[in-house]
Amino acid sequence: MNAIANVRSQLMPLLDALIVQLDSDGDAESADWFRHIGAALEAAREEEDLLMIFLERLGPTGPMANAADFSPLARLRLDRLLAQAQAVAFAFSAEGDPH
């Protein structure tokens, strides 16, 4: 499995779980925003594509203002996604090859 596919396999299940939770909570706008992240993740072909997702959309400066209104379960799922994304981003910066 190549590095990009490996990252997808780590993040997509967490992202999908968050989207399902947001839909269940009736937060369609946030669910759609995370669907766009999923589409960007699926479209990623280079390490730089992934880094842009991490920095611009999932990083500490990403547009996550609505997160404060998430249900406790959605917040937990978001925290898991962000923790895994951070681990992957760290692997990129530490070794240059995500795993």
PDB file of N, CA and C in Angstrom:
ATOM      1  N   MET A   1       0.858  -1.177   0.000  1.00  0.00           N
ATOM      2  CA  MET A   1       0.000   0.000   0.000  1.00  0.00           C
ATOM      3  C   MET A   1       0.900   1.235   0.000  1.00  0.00           C
ATOM      4  N   ASN A   2       0.622   2.177  -0.890  1.00  0.00           N
ATOM      5  CA  ASN A   2       1.461   3.369  -0.909  1.00  0.00           C
ATOM      6  C   ASN A   2       1.099   4.297   0.251  1.00  0.00           C
ATOM      7  N   ALA A   3       1.929   5.289   0.471  1.00  0.00           N
ATOM      8  CA  ALA A   3       1.779   6.169   1.628  1.00  0.00           C
ATOM      9  C   ALA A   3       0.449   6.911   1.625  1.00  0.00           C
ATOM     10  N   ILE A   4       0.022   7.416   0.477  1.00  0.00           N
ATOM     11  CA  ILE A   4      -1.232   8.170   0.401  1.00  0.00           C
ATOM     12  C   ILE A   4      -2.408   7.248   0.731  1.00  0.00           C
ATOM     13  N   ALA A   5      -2.409   6.046   0.165  1.00  0.00           N
ATOM     14  CA  ALA A   5      -3.483   5.086   0.444  1.00  0.00           C
ATOM     15  C   ALA A   5      -3.488   4.700   1.920  1.00  0.00           C
ATOM     16  N   ASN A   6      -2.317   4.598   2.512  1.00  0.00           N
ATOM     17  CA  ASN A   6      -2.216   4.280   3.932  1.00  0.00           C
ATOM     18  C   ASN A   6      -2.848   5.383   4.780  1.00  0.00           C
ATOM     19  N   VAL A   7      -2.577   6.625   4.432  1.00  0.00           N
ATOM     20  CA  VAL A   7      -3.168   7.750   5.157  1.00  0.00           C
ATOM     21  C   VAL A   7      -4.686   7.713   5.012  1.00  0.00           C
ATOM     22  N   ARG A   8      -5.156   7.488   3.797  1.00  0.00           N
ATOM     23  CA  ARG A   8      -6.605   7.391   3.580  1.00  0.00           C
ATOM     24  C   ARG A   8      -7.212   6.298   4.457  1.00  0.00           C
ATOM     25  N   SER A   9      -6.558   5.148   4.501  1.00  0.00           N
ATOM     26  CA  SER A   9      -7.107   4.026   5.274  1.00  0.00           C
ATOM     27  C   SER A   9      -7.160   4.342   6.770  1.00  0.00           C
ATOM     28  N   GLN A  10      -6.296   5.231   7.225  1.00  0.00           N
ATOM     29  CA  GLN A  10      -6.300   5.632   8.632  1.00  0.00           C
ATOM     30  C   GLN A  10      -7.355   6.695   8.927  1.00  0.00           C
ATOM     31  N   LEU A  11      -7.527   7.631   8.000  1.00  0.00           N
ATOM     32  CA  LEU A  11      -8.387   8.784   8.274  1.00  0.00           C
ATOM     33  C   LEU A  11      -9.831   8.635   7.806  1.00  0.00           C
ATOM     34  N   MET A  12     -10.062   7.946   6.693  1.00  0.00           N
ATOM     35  CA  MET A  12     -11.424   7.889   6.145  1.00  0.00           C
ATOM     36  C   MET A  12     -12.434   7.252   7.099  1.00  0.00           C
ATOM     37  N   PRO A  13     -12.108   6.152   7.784  1.00  0.00           N
ATOM     38  CA  PRO A  13     -13.105   5.606   8.717  1.00  0.00           C
ATOM     39  C   PRO A  13     -13.473   6.587   9.839  1.00  0.00           C
ATOM     40  N   LEU A  14     -12.488   7.327  10.320  1.00  0.00           N
ATOM     41  CA  LEU A  14     -12.748   8.322  11.360  1.00  0.00           C
ATOM     42  C   LEU A  14     -13.579   9.471  10.811  1.00  0.00           C
ATOM     43  N   LEU A  15     -13.256   9.894   9.612  1.00  0.00           N
ATOM     44  CA  LEU A  15     -14.002  10.966   8.960  1.00  0.00           C
ATOM     45  C   LEU A  15     -15.434  10.528   8.682  1.00  0.00           C
ATOM     46  N   ASP A  16     -15.606   9.324   8.171  1.00  0.00           N
ATOM     47  CA  ASP A  16     -16.949   8.807   7.895  1.00  0.00           C
ATOM     48  C   ASP A  16     -17.783   8.711   9.171  1.00  0.00           C
ATOM     49  N   ALA A  17     -17.173   8.260  10.262  1.00  0.00           N
ATOM     50  CA  ALA A  17     -17.891   8.158  11.536  1.00  0.00           C
ATOM     51  C   ALA A  17     -18.338   9.533  12.022  1.00  0.00           C
ATOM     52  N   LEU A  18     -17.494  10.531  11.848  1.00  0.00           N
ATOM     53  CA  LEU A  18     -17.852  11.894  12.241  1.00  0.00           C
ATOM     54  C   LEU A  18     -19.005  12.410  11.390  1.00  0.00           C
ATOM     55  N   ILE A  19     -18.960  12.174  10.094  1.00  0.00           N
ATOM     56  CA  ILE A  19     -20.027  12.630   9.198  1.00  0.00           C
ATOM     57  C   ILE A  19     -21.356  11.979   9.575  1.00  0.00           C
ATOM     58  N   VAL A  20     -21.338  10.678   9.823  1.00  0.00           N
ATOM     59  CA  VAL A  20     -22.560   9.974  10.230  1.00  0.00           C
ATOM     60  C   VAL A  20     -23.106  10.580  11.522  1.00  0.00           C
ATOM     61  N   GLN A  21     -22.215  10.863  12.472  1.00  0.00           N
ATOM     62  CA  GLN A  21     -22.656  11.444  13.738  1.00  0.00           C
ATOM     63  C   GLN A  21     -23.253  12.831  13.533  1.00  0.00           C
ATOM     64  N   LEU A  22     -22.601  13.654  12.731  1.00  0.00           N
ATOM     65  CA  LEU A  22     -23.119  14.999  12.483  1.00  0.00           C
ATOM     66  C   LEU A  22     -24.471  14.944  11.792  1.00  0.00           C
ATOM     67  N   ASP A  23     -24.623  14.035  10.832  1.00  0.00           N
ATOM     68  CA  ASP A  23     -25.928  13.861  10.187  1.00  0.00           C
ATOM     69  C   ASP A  23     -26.975  13.434  11.210  1.00  0.00           C
ATOM     70  N   SER A  24     -26.612  12.512  12.079  1.00  0.00           N
ATOM     71  CA  SER A  24     -27.524  12.039  13.121  1.00  0.00           C
ATOM     72  C   SER A  24     -27.917  13.166  14.073  1.00  0.00           C
ATOM     73  N   ASP A  25     -26.976  14.066  14.314  1.00  0.00           N
ATOM     74  CA  ASP A  25     -27.232  15.214  15.192  1.00  0.00           C
ATOM     75  C   ASP A  25     -28.014  16.322  14.492  1.00  0.00           C
ATOM     76  N   GLY A  26     -28.247  16.184  13.189  1.00  0.00           N
ATOM     77  CA  GLY A  26     -28.960  17.210  12.438  1.00  0.00           C
ATOM     78  C   GLY A  26     -28.091  18.381  12.029  1.00  0.00           C
ATOM     79  N   ASP A  27     -26.796  18.203  12.027  1.00  0.00           N
ATOM     80  CA  ASP A  27     -25.854  19.272  11.660  1.00  0.00           C
ATOM     81  C   ASP A  27     -25.370  19.045  10.226  1.00  0.00           C
ATOM     82  N   ALA A  28     -26.268  19.279   9.278  1.00  0.00           N
ATOM     83  CA  ALA A  28     -25.975  19.013   7.866  1.00  0.00           C
ATOM     84  C   ALA A  28     -24.845  19.888   7.336  1.00  0.00           C
ATOM     85  N   GLU A  29     -24.778  21.131   7.782  1.00  0.00           N
ATOM     86  CA  GLU A  29     -23.738  22.040   7.291  1.00  0.00           C
ATOM     87  C   GLU A  29     -22.338  21.530   7.652  1.00  0.00           C
ATOM     88  N   SER A  30     -22.153  21.126   8.893  1.00  0.00           N
ATOM     89  CA  SER A  30     -20.848  20.598   9.303  1.00  0.00           C
ATOM     90  C   SER A  30     -20.556  19.273   8.614  1.00  0.00           C
ATOM     91  N   ALA A  31     -21.578  18.421   8.483  1.00  0.00           N
ATOM     92  CA  ALA A  31     -21.387  17.140   7.796  1.00  0.00           C
ATOM     93  C   ALA A  31     -20.932  17.377   6.363  1.00  0.00           C
ATOM     94  N   ASP A  32     -21.532  18.344   5.686  1.00  0.00           N
ATOM     95  CA  ASP A  32     -21.121  18.657   4.308  1.00  0.00           C
ATOM     96  C   ASP A  32     -19.687  19.159   4.261  1.00  0.00           C
ATOM     97  N   TRP A  33     -19.303  19.972   5.231  1.00  0.00           N
ATOM     98  CA  TRP A  33     -17.935  20.493   5.262  1.00  0.00           C
ATOM     99  C   TRP A  33     -16.938  19.340   5.373  1.00  0.00           C
ATOM    100  N   PHE A  34     -17.251  18.365   6.221  1.00  0.00           N
ATOM    101  CA  PHE A  34     -16.359  17.218   6.369  1.00  0.00           C
ATOM    102  C   PHE A  34     -16.423  16.291   5.160  1.00  0.00           C
ATOM    103  N   ARG A  35     -17.555  16.261   4.458  1.00  0.00           N
ATOM    104  CA  ARG A  35     -17.606  15.512   3.193  1.00  0.00           C
ATOM    105  C   ARG A  35     -16.625  16.111   2.180  1.00  0.00           C
ATOM    106  N   HIS A  36     -16.519  17.431   2.168  1.00  0.00           N
ATOM    107  CA  HIS A  36     -15.554  18.083   1.273  1.00  0.00           C
ATOM    108  C   HIS A  36     -14.121  17.703   1.647  1.00  0.00           C
ATOM    109  N   ILE A  37     -13.855  17.585   2.929  1.00  0.00           N
ATOM    110  CA  ILE A  37     -12.535  17.125   3.356  1.00  0.00           C
ATOM    111  C   ILE A  37     -12.303  15.702   2.860  1.00  0.00           C
ATOM    112  N   GLY A  38     -13.310  14.851   2.974  1.00  0.00           N
ATOM    113  CA  GLY A  38     -13.205  13.480   2.479  1.00  0.00           C
ATOM    114  C   GLY A  38     -12.934  13.431   0.989  1.00  0.00           C
ATOM    115  N   ALA A  39     -13.617  14.294   0.234  1.00  0.00           N
ATOM    116  CA  ALA A  39     -13.389  14.346  -1.215  1.00  0.00           C
ATOM    117  C   ALA A  39     -11.962  14.790  -1.512  1.00  0.00           C
ATOM    118  N   ALA A  40     -11.463  15.764  -0.756  1.00  0.00           N
ATOM    119  CA  ALA A  40     -10.085  16.221  -0.948  1.00  0.00           C
ATOM    120  C   ALA A  40      -9.099  15.111  -0.589  1.00  0.00           C
ATOM    121  N   LEU A  41      -9.408  14.361   0.446  1.00  0.00           N
ATOM    122  CA  LEU A  41      -8.546  13.247   0.843  1.00  0.00           C
ATOM    123  C   LEU A  41      -8.538  12.162  -0.234  1.00  0.00           C
ATOM    124  N   GLU A  42      -9.689  11.872  -0.793  1.00  0.00           N
ATOM    125  CA  GLU A  42      -9.768  10.876  -1.870  1.00  0.00           C
ATOM    126  C   GLU A  42      -9.029  11.354  -3.123  1.00  0.00           C
ATOM    127  N   ALA A  43      -9.041  12.655  -3.365  1.00  0.00           N
ATOM    128  CA  ALA A  43      -8.404  13.215  -4.558  1.00  0.00           C
ATOM    129  C   ALA A  43      -6.898  13.412  -4.399  1.00  0.00           C
ATOM    130  N   ALA A  44      -6.393  13.329  -3.184  1.00  0.00           N
ATOM    131  CA  ALA A  44      -4.965  13.571  -2.928  1.00  0.00           C
ATOM    132  C   ALA A  44      -4.105  12.572  -3.698  1.00  0.00           C
ATOM    133  N   ARG A  45      -3.097  13.083  -4.362  1.00  0.00           N
ATOM    134  CA  ARG A  45      -2.173  12.250  -5.128  1.00  0.00           C
ATOM    135  C   ARG A  45      -0.729  12.418  -4.676  1.00  0.00           C
ATOM    136  N   GLU A  46      -0.438  13.514  -4.031  1.00  0.00           N
ATOM    137  CA  GLU A  46       0.920  13.843  -3.586  1.00  0.00           C
ATOM    138  C   GLU A  46       0.900  14.129  -2.087  1.00  0.00           C
ATOM    139  N   GLU A  47       2.049  13.997  -1.460  1.00  0.00           N
ATOM    140  CA  GLU A  47       2.155  14.330  -0.041  1.00  0.00           C
ATOM    141  C   GLU A  47       1.737  15.772   0.218  1.00  0.00           C
ATOM    142  N   GLU A  48       2.050  16.664  -0.707  1.00  0.00           N
ATOM    143  CA  GLU A  48       1.693  18.073  -0.549  1.00  0.00           C
ATOM    144  C   GLU A  48       0.182  18.251  -0.485  1.00  0.00           C
ATOM    145  N   ASP A  49      -0.566  17.429  -1.232  1.00  0.00           N
ATOM    146  CA  ASP A  49      -2.030  17.498  -1.182  1.00  0.00           C
ATOM    147  C   ASP A  49      -2.527  17.188   0.230  1.00  0.00           C
ATOM    148  N   LEU A  50      -1.940  16.171   0.833  1.00  0.00           N
ATOM    149  CA  LEU A  50      -2.332  15.807   2.195  1.00  0.00           C
ATOM    150  C   LEU A  50      -1.951  16.896   3.187  1.00  0.00           C
ATOM    151  N   LEU A  51      -0.770  17.439   3.030  1.00  0.00           N
ATOM    152  CA  LEU A  51      -0.336  18.494   3.941  1.00  0.00           C
ATOM    153  C   LEU A  51      -1.265  19.697   3.881  1.00  0.00           C
ATOM    154  N   MET A  52      -1.750  20.021   2.693  1.00  0.00           N
ATOM    155  CA  MET A  52      -2.676  21.149   2.562  1.00  0.00           C
ATOM    156  C   MET A  52      -3.989  20.849   3.288  1.00  0.00           C
ATOM    157  N   ILE A  53      -4.451  19.610   3.215  1.00  0.00           N
ATOM    158  CA  ILE A  53      -5.659  19.233   3.954  1.00  0.00           C
ATOM    159  C   ILE A  53      -5.419  19.411   5.446  1.00  0.00           C
ATOM    160  N   PHE A  54      -4.272  18.919   5.926  1.00  0.00           N
ATOM    161  CA  PHE A  54      -3.975  19.012   7.351  1.00  0.00           C
ATOM    162  C   PHE A  54      -3.839  20.465   7.794  1.00  0.00           C
ATOM    163  N   LEU A  55      -3.125  21.252   7.026  1.00  0.00           N
ATOM    164  CA  LEU A  55      -2.858  22.632   7.426  1.00  0.00           C
ATOM    165  C   LEU A  55      -4.066  23.540   7.262  1.00  0.00           C
ATOM    166  N   GLU A  56      -4.732  23.452   6.117  1.00  0.00           N
ATOM    167  CA  GLU A  56      -5.804  24.396   5.814  1.00  0.00           C
ATOM    168  C   GLU A  56      -7.160  23.989   6.371  1.00  0.00           C
ATOM    169  N   ARG A  57      -7.390  22.701   6.524  1.00  0.00           N
ATOM    170  CA  ARG A  57      -8.732  22.267   6.906  1.00  0.00           C
ATOM    171  C   ARG A  57      -8.801  21.600   8.268  1.00  0.00           C
ATOM    172  N   LEU A  58      -7.756  20.875   8.646  1.00  0.00           N
ATOM    173  CA  LEU A  58      -7.785  20.156   9.916  1.00  0.00           C
ATOM    174  C   LEU A  58      -6.826  20.724  10.947  1.00  0.00           C
ATOM    175  N   GLY A  59      -6.008  21.672  10.553  1.00  0.00           N
ATOM    176  CA  GLY A  59      -5.031  22.242  11.470  1.00  0.00           C
ATOM    177  C   GLY A  59      -5.668  23.191  12.467  1.00  0.00           C
ATOM    178  N   PRO A  60      -4.876  23.687  13.399  1.00  0.00           N
ATOM    179  CA  PRO A  60      -5.399  24.556  14.450  1.00  0.00           C
ATOM    180  C   PRO A  60      -5.974  25.864  13.928  1.00  0.00           C
ATOM    181  N   THR A  61      -5.627  26.255  12.716  1.00  0.00           N
ATOM    182  CA  THR A  61      -6.187  27.481  12.156  1.00  0.00           C
ATOM    183  C   THR A  61      -7.298  27.197  11.154  1.00  0.00           C
ATOM    184  N   GLY A  62      -7.671  25.936  11.010  1.00  0.00           N
ATOM    185  CA  GLY A  62      -8.748  25.571  10.081  1.00  0.00           C
ATOM    186  C   GLY A  62     -10.088  26.139  10.532  1.00  0.00           C
ATOM    187  N   PRO A  63     -11.031  26.220   9.612  1.00  0.00           N
ATOM    188  CA  PRO A  63     -12.343  26.808   9.928  1.00  0.00           C
ATOM    189  C   PRO A  63     -13.225  25.835  10.710  1.00  0.00           C
ATOM    190  N   MET A  64     -12.928  25.659  11.986  1.00  0.00           N
ATOM    191  CA  MET A  64     -13.658  24.707  12.811  1.00  0.00           C
ATOM    192  C   MET A  64     -14.500  25.434  13.862  1.00  0.00           C
ATOM    193  N   ALA A  65     -14.971  26.612  13.540  1.00  0.00           N
ATOM    194  CA  ALA A  65     -15.699  27.421  14.514  1.00  0.00           C
ATOM    195  C   ALA A  65     -16.954  26.724  15.024  1.00  0.00           C
ATOM    196  N   ASN A  66     -17.594  25.931  14.183  1.00  0.00           N
ATOM    197  CA  ASN A  66     -18.817  25.260  14.607  1.00  0.00           C
ATOM    198  C   ASN A  66     -18.555  24.113  15.571  1.00  0.00           C
ATOM    199  N   ALA A  67     -17.314  23.717  15.740  1.00  0.00           N
ATOM    200  CA  ALA A  67     -16.994  22.568  16.585  1.00  0.00           C
ATOM    201  C   ALA A  67     -17.474  22.767  18.023  1.00  0.00           C
ATOM    202  N   ALA A  68     -17.522  23.993  18.481  1.00  0.00           N
ATOM    203  CA  ALA A  68     -17.957  24.255  19.847  1.00  0.00           C
ATOM    204  C   ALA A  68     -19.402  23.822  20.068  1.00  0.00           C
ATOM    205  N   ASP A  69     -20.196  23.782  19.004  1.00  0.00           N
ATOM    206  CA  ASP A  69     -21.596  23.400  19.113  1.00  0.00           C
ATOM    207  C   ASP A  69     -21.840  21.925  18.828  1.00  0.00           C
ATOM    208  N   PHE A  70     -20.794  21.153  18.610  1.00  0.00           N
ATOM    209  CA  PHE A  70     -20.953  19.728  18.325  1.00  0.00           C
ATOM    210  C   PHE A  70     -21.484  19.010  19.565  1.00  0.00           C
ATOM    211  N   SER A  71     -22.210  17.933  19.326  1.00  0.00           N
ATOM    212  CA  SER A  71     -22.646  17.080  20.436  1.00  0.00           C
ATOM    213  C   SER A  71     -21.407  16.443  21.069  1.00  0.00           C
ATOM    214  N   PRO A  72     -21.530  15.946  22.287  1.00  0.00           N
ATOM    215  CA  PRO A  72     -20.366  15.302  22.910  1.00  0.00           C
ATOM    216  C   PRO A  72     -19.811  14.148  22.074  1.00  0.00           C
ATOM    217  N   LEU A  73     -20.680  13.354  21.460  1.00  0.00           N
ATOM    218  CA  LEU A  73     -20.196  12.238  20.653  1.00  0.00           C
ATOM    219  C   LEU A  73     -19.518  12.731  19.376  1.00  0.00           C
ATOM    220  N   ALA A  74     -20.079  13.764  18.751  1.00  0.00           N
ATOM    221  CA  ALA A  74     -19.439  14.334  17.556  1.00  0.00           C
ATOM    222  C   ALA A  74     -18.085  14.934  17.927  1.00  0.00           C
ATOM    223  N   ARG A  75     -18.013  15.588  19.072  1.00  0.00           N
ATOM    224  CA  ARG A  75     -16.754  16.180  19.536  1.00  0.00           C
ATOM    225  C   ARG A  75     -15.707  15.080  19.757  1.00  0.00           C
ATOM    226  N   LEU A  76     -16.128  13.959  20.345  1.00  0.00           N
ATOM    227  CA  LEU A  76     -15.221  12.832  20.562  1.00  0.00           C
ATOM    228  C   LEU A  76     -14.714  12.290  19.228  1.00  0.00           C
ATOM    229  N   ARG A  77     -15.609  12.140  18.268  1.00  0.00           N
ATOM    230  CA  ARG A  77     -15.209  11.637  16.947  1.00  0.00           C
ATOM    231  C   ARG A  77     -14.268  12.629  16.254  1.00  0.00           C
ATOM    232  N   LEU A  78     -14.539  13.916  16.402  1.00  0.00           N
ATOM    233  CA  LEU A  78     -13.656  14.933  15.833  1.00  0.00           C
ATOM    234  C   LEU A  78     -12.283  14.866  16.492  1.00  0.00           C
ATOM    235  N   ASP A  79     -12.250  14.736  17.801  1.00  0.00           N
ATOM    236  CA  ASP A  79     -10.968  14.650  18.509  1.00  0.00           C
ATOM    237  C   ASP A  79     -10.146  13.455  18.025  1.00  0.00           C
ATOM    238  N   ARG A  80     -10.810  12.324  17.797  1.00  0.00           N
ATOM    239  CA  ARG A  80     -10.102  11.139  17.293  1.00  0.00           C
ATOM    240  C   ARG A  80      -9.539  11.393  15.897  1.00  0.00           C
ATOM    241  N   LEU A  81     -10.348  12.018  15.048  1.00  0.00           N
ATOM    242  CA  LEU A  81      -9.892  12.340  13.692  1.00  0.00           C
ATOM    243  C   LEU A  81      -8.693  13.278  13.743  1.00  0.00           C
ATOM    244  N   LEU A  82      -8.788  14.325  14.544  1.00  0.00           N
ATOM    245  CA  LEU A  82      -7.696  15.295  14.625  1.00  0.00           C
ATOM    246  C   LEU A  82      -6.431  14.679  15.215  1.00  0.00           C
ATOM    247  N   ALA A  83      -6.586  13.807  16.198  1.00  0.00           N
ATOM    248  CA  ALA A  83      -5.414  13.148  16.785  1.00  0.00           C
ATOM    249  C   ALA A  83      -4.711  12.279  15.748  1.00  0.00           C
ATOM    250  N   GLN A  84      -5.480  11.544  14.960  1.00  0.00           N
ATOM    251  CA  GLN A  84      -4.870  10.700  13.933  1.00  0.00           C
ATOM    252  C   GLN A  84      -4.240  11.555  12.837  1.00  0.00           C
ATOM    253  N   ALA A  85      -4.921  12.630  12.433  1.00  0.00           N
ATOM    254  CA  ALA A  85      -4.356  13.529  11.422  1.00  0.00           C
ATOM    255  C   ALA A  85      -3.055  14.142  11.925  1.00  0.00           C
ATOM    256  N   GLN A  86      -3.016  14.492  13.202  1.00  0.00           N
ATOM    257  CA  GLN A  86      -1.791  15.049  13.778  1.00  0.00           C
ATOM    258  C   GLN A  86      -0.671  14.013  13.760  1.00  0.00           C
ATOM    259  N   ALA A  87      -0.990  12.776  14.087  1.00  0.00           N
ATOM    260  CA  ALA A  87       0.024  11.715  14.074  1.00  0.00           C
ATOM    261  C   ALA A  87       0.573  11.503  12.670  1.00  0.00           C
ATOM    262  N   VAL A  88      -0.305  11.535  11.682  1.00  0.00           N
ATOM    263  CA  VAL A  88       0.130  11.372  10.293  1.00  0.00           C
ATOM    264  C   VAL A  88       0.988  12.559   9.870  1.00  0.00           C
ATOM    265  N   ALA A  89       0.552  13.765  10.206  1.00  0.00           N
ATOM    266  CA  ALA A  89       1.328  14.954   9.849  1.00  0.00           C
ATOM    267  C   ALA A  89       2.698  14.918  10.522  1.00  0.00           C
ATOM    268  N   PHE A  90       2.750  14.457  11.762  1.00  0.00           N
ATOM    269  CA  PHE A  90       4.029  14.335  12.454  1.00  0.00           C
ATOM    270  C   PHE A  90       4.931  13.337  11.737  1.00  0.00           C
ATOM    271  N   ALA A  91       4.349  12.235  11.283  1.00  0.00           N
ATOM    272  CA  ALA A  91       5.138  11.235  10.558  1.00  0.00           C
ATOM    273  C   ALA A  91       5.723  11.838   9.288  1.00  0.00           C
ATOM    274  N   PHE A  92       4.942  12.678   8.609  1.00  0.00           N
ATOM    275  CA  PHE A  92       5.454  13.364   7.420  1.00  0.00           C
ATOM    276  C   PHE A  92       6.655  14.223   7.785  1.00  0.00           C
ATOM    277  N   SER A  93       6.511  15.020   8.828  1.00  0.00           N
ATOM    278  CA  SER A  93       7.576  15.966   9.157  1.00  0.00           C
ATOM    279  C   SER A  93       8.788  15.274   9.771  1.00  0.00           C
ATOM    280  N   ALA A  94       8.570  14.209  10.527  1.00  0.00           N
ATOM    281  CA  ALA A  94       9.682  13.543  11.202  1.00  0.00           C
ATOM    282  C   ALA A  94      10.475  12.642  10.274  1.00  0.00           C
ATOM    283  N   GLU A  95       9.782  11.968   9.371  1.00  0.00           N
ATOM    284  CA  GLU A  95      10.459  10.984   8.540  1.00  0.00           C
ATOM    285  C   GLU A  95      10.308  11.234   7.053  1.00  0.00           C
ATOM    286  N   GLY A  96       9.403  12.123   6.691  1.00  0.00           N
ATOM    287  CA  GLY A  96       9.177  12.380   5.278  1.00  0.00           C
ATOM    288  C   GLY A  96       8.355  11.309   4.596  1.00  0.00           C
ATOM    289  N   ASP A  97       7.903  10.315   5.347  1.00  0.00           N
ATOM    290  CA  ASP A  97       7.108   9.230   4.768  1.00  0.00           C
ATOM    291  C   ASP A  97       6.034   8.830   5.770  1.00  0.00           C
ATOM    292  N   PRO A  98       4.760   9.104   5.476  1.00  0.00           N
ATOM    293  CA  PRO A  98       3.714   8.779   6.436  1.00  0.00           C
ATOM    294  C   PRO A  98       3.559   7.273   6.600  1.00  0.00           C
ATOM    295  N   HIS A  99       3.192   6.865   7.814  1.00  0.00           N
ATOM    296  CA  HIS A  99       2.916   5.446   8.057  1.00  0.00           C
ATOM    297  C   HIS A  99       1.877   5.303   9.130  1.00  0.00           C
TER     298      HIS A  99
END
